[in-house]
Amino acid sequence: MVPKIIDLQSKNLVGLSQEMSLIDNKTPELWKGFRQRSKEVLNRSSDDFISLQEYPSDYFQVFSPAKKFVKWACVEVEDFDSVPEGINNLVLEGGLFAVFNYKGTAKDAQVFFQYIYGEWIPNSDYNLDDRAHFEVLGAKYKNNDPNSEEEVWIPIKAK
């Protein structure tokens, strides 16, 4: 599994966010709430949805499934001129990302992520960077379908 290395420009995102942990995972509720409101966002840059995680700087140093992080359900927009009330904006910081393609369900993703963090990053020319991690849920994404496909963007920096 070889990722593409992409130098991404910053992006304007709008959506809903919630603090959670892997043990207290509130992802389905977060996405249900945002999907119901996403049609209110009029100036979208694409039809893709973005699932984004903001981890504390020490999150991966001593991993625990009880550690809290902030998860976003969002979309990219041209600007923040017409953000619907109750929807928040976020600037996704640009920089280098390792982009992996994932095919499968969310419940089967643990082995995939263990490979990225446990094997690929330690054996690559990169370290994990302290920026947001995200997944692009495009046209091939189908929730809870084993044929679902998405892009997984991991922030990196040269060693």
Protein backbone atom coordinates (compact mmCIF):
# COMPACT_ATOMS: atom_id res chain seq x y z
CA MET A 1 0.00 0.00 0.00
CA VAL A 2 1.87 3.05 -1.30
CA PRO A 3 0.35 6.48 -0.67
CA LYS A 4 0.51 9.53 -2.89
CA ILE A 5 2.42 12.40 -1.26
CA ILE A 6 0.50 15.64 -1.87
CA ASP A 7 1.33 19.23 -0.90
CA LEU A 8 -2.18 20.51 -0.20
CA GLN A 9 -3.20 24.16 -0.17
CA SER A 10 -5.37 25.27 2.76
CA LYS A 11 -9.13 24.77 2.35
CA ASN A 12 -12.21 26.47 3.73
CA LEU A 13 -14.57 23.98 5.39
CA VAL A 14 -17.94 24.30 7.07
CA GLY A 15 -19.74 21.74 9.16
CA LEU A 16 -20.52 20.44 12.60
CA SER A 17 -18.03 19.19 15.18
CA GLN A 18 -18.13 17.20 18.38
CA GLU A 19 -15.61 16.06 20.97
CA MET A 20 -15.45 12.27 21.31
CA SER A 21 -13.16 9.30 21.83
CA LEU A 22 -12.93 5.94 20.12
CA ILE A 23 -14.66 4.38 23.14
CA ASP A 24 -17.38 7.07 23.15
CA ASN A 25 -17.72 7.35 19.37
CA LYS A 26 -20.46 9.78 18.34
CA THR A 27 -19.69 9.73 14.60
CA PRO A 28 -23.10 8.40 13.43
CA GLU A 29 -25.00 11.10 15.35
CA LEU A 30 -22.63 13.82 14.13
CA TRP A 31 -23.05 12.80 10.49
CA LYS A 32 -26.82 12.38 10.79
CA GLY A 33 -27.07 15.95 12.10
CA PHE A 34 -24.83 17.38 9.40
CA ARG A 35 -26.33 15.44 6.48
CA GLN A 36 -29.74 16.89 7.40
CA ARG A 37 -28.28 20.42 7.24
CA SER A 38 -25.75 20.09 4.39
CA LYS A 39 -28.23 21.22 1.73
CA GLU A 40 -28.26 24.64 3.44
CA VAL A 41 -24.61 25.17 2.39
CA LEU A 42 -24.90 26.99 -0.94
CA ASN A 43 -21.31 27.78 -1.96
CA ARG A 44 -19.75 24.30 -1.92
CA SER A 45 -16.53 23.72 -3.85
CA SER A 46 -17.36 20.06 -4.57
CA ASP A 47 -19.94 17.36 -3.93
CA ASP A 48 -17.54 15.51 -1.60
CA PHE A 49 -18.04 15.26 2.14
CA ILE A 50 -15.05 15.44 4.52
CA SER A 51 -14.69 13.60 7.81
CA LEU A 52 -11.96 15.40 9.77
CA GLN A 53 -10.25 14.72 13.09
CA GLU A 54 -8.35 17.25 15.21
CA TYR A 55 -6.16 15.29 17.62
CA PRO A 56 -4.30 16.75 20.63
CA SER A 57 -0.53 17.01 19.95
CA ASP A 58 0.23 14.02 22.22
CA TYR A 59 -2.60 11.80 20.92
CA PHE A 60 -0.42 9.27 19.08
CA GLN A 61 2.54 9.30 21.50
CA VAL A 62 0.75 7.23 24.13
CA PHE A 63 -2.34 5.90 22.41
CA SER A 64 -5.50 5.20 24.37
CA PRO A 65 -8.97 4.64 22.88
CA ALA A 66 -10.34 6.79 25.73
CA LYS A 67 -8.38 9.92 24.65
CA LYS A 68 -10.61 12.73 23.42
CA PHE A 69 -10.37 14.42 20.01
CA VAL A 70 -12.63 16.66 17.92
CA LYS A 71 -14.37 15.18 14.89
CA TRP A 72 -15.91 17.23 12.09
CA ALA A 73 -18.54 16.35 9.49
CA CYS A 74 -18.02 18.98 6.82
CA VAL A 75 -17.82 20.15 3.21
CA GLU A 76 -15.44 22.45 1.36
CA VAL A 77 -16.70 25.94 0.45
CA GLU A 78 -15.43 28.79 -1.72
CA ASP A 79 -15.57 31.26 1.18
CA PHE A 80 -17.26 31.89 4.53
CA ASP A 81 -19.64 34.61 3.23
CA SER A 82 -22.87 32.62 3.58
CA VAL A 83 -22.40 30.05 6.36
CA PRO A 84 -25.82 28.92 7.67
CA GLU A 85 -26.58 29.71 11.31
CA GLY A 86 -25.48 26.94 13.65
CA ILE A 87 -22.88 25.60 11.19
CA ASN A 88 -19.23 26.34 12.00
CA ASN A 89 -16.28 27.18 9.78
CA LEU A 90 -12.79 25.75 9.84
CA VAL A 91 -9.67 26.47 7.81
CA LEU A 92 -7.89 23.21 7.00
CA GLU A 93 -4.18 23.97 7.23
CA GLY A 94 -2.29 22.99 4.10
CA GLY A 95 0.99 21.08 3.90
CA LEU A 96 2.25 17.61 3.08
CA PHE A 97 -0.13 14.67 3.31
CA ALA A 98 0.20 10.97 2.64
CA VAL A 99 -2.97 9.99 0.78
CA PHE A 100 -4.12 6.38 1.02
CA ASN A 101 -7.10 4.79 -0.71
CA TYR A 102 -9.27 2.70 1.58
CA LYS A 103 -11.89 0.21 0.42
CA GLY A 104 -14.19 -1.37 2.98
CA THR A 105 -16.35 -0.56 5.97
CA ALA A 106 -15.46 1.63 8.93
CA LYS A 107 -15.56 -1.35 11.29
CA ASP A 108 -12.88 -3.09 9.18
CA ALA A 109 -10.54 -0.08 9.07
CA GLN A 110 -8.53 -0.86 12.23
CA VAL A 111 -5.95 -3.04 10.41
CA PHE A 112 -5.60 -0.38 7.69
CA PHE A 113 -4.85 2.38 10.24
CA GLN A 114 -2.53 0.12 12.26
CA TYR A 115 -0.49 -0.37 9.07
CA ILE A 116 -0.28 3.40 8.43
CA TYR A 117 0.72 4.42 11.97
CA GLY A 118 2.60 1.28 12.99
CA GLU A 119 4.46 0.36 9.79
CA TRP A 120 4.27 2.91 6.98
CA ILE A 121 5.11 6.09 8.94
CA PRO A 122 7.99 4.57 11.00
CA ASN A 123 9.54 3.07 7.83
CA SER A 124 8.99 6.12 5.60
CA ASP A 125 10.96 9.35 5.13
CA TYR A 126 8.25 11.17 7.11
CA ASN A 127 7.02 11.82 10.64
CA LEU A 128 3.41 12.42 11.60
CA ASP A 129 2.66 16.16 11.62
CA ASP A 130 0.46 17.93 14.18
CA ARG A 131 -2.36 18.96 11.81
CA ALA A 132 -5.82 17.66 11.06
CA HIS A 133 -6.33 14.16 9.65
CA PHE A 134 -9.23 13.71 7.25
CA GLU A 135 -11.07 11.44 4.86
CA VAL A 136 -12.63 12.52 1.57
CA LEU A 137 -15.97 10.78 1.09
CA GLY A 138 -16.52 11.12 -2.66
CA ALA A 139 -18.75 9.47 -5.26
CA LYS A 140 -17.46 5.95 -4.46
CA TYR A 141 -18.22 6.26 -0.72
CA LYS A 142 -21.12 4.10 0.46
CA ASN A 143 -21.67 4.05 4.22
CA ASN A 144 -21.27 0.54 5.75
CA ASP A 145 -20.73 -1.10 2.34
CA PRO A 146 -17.68 -3.40 1.85
CA ASN A 147 -17.24 -1.87 -1.64
CA SER A 148 -17.12 1.68 -0.27
CA GLU A 149 -14.02 3.72 -1.19
CA GLU A 150 -12.54 6.86 0.35
CA GLU A 151 -9.29 8.80 0.47
CA VAL A 152 -7.47 8.93 3.82
CA TRP A 153 -5.25 12.02 4.25
CA ILE A 154 -2.54 11.76 6.94
CA PRO A 155 -0.50 14.93 7.74
CA ILE A 156 3.22 14.35 7.43
CA LYS A 157 6.54 16.24 7.52
CA ALA A 158 10.02 15.24 6.40
CA LYS A 159 12.16 13.43 9.01
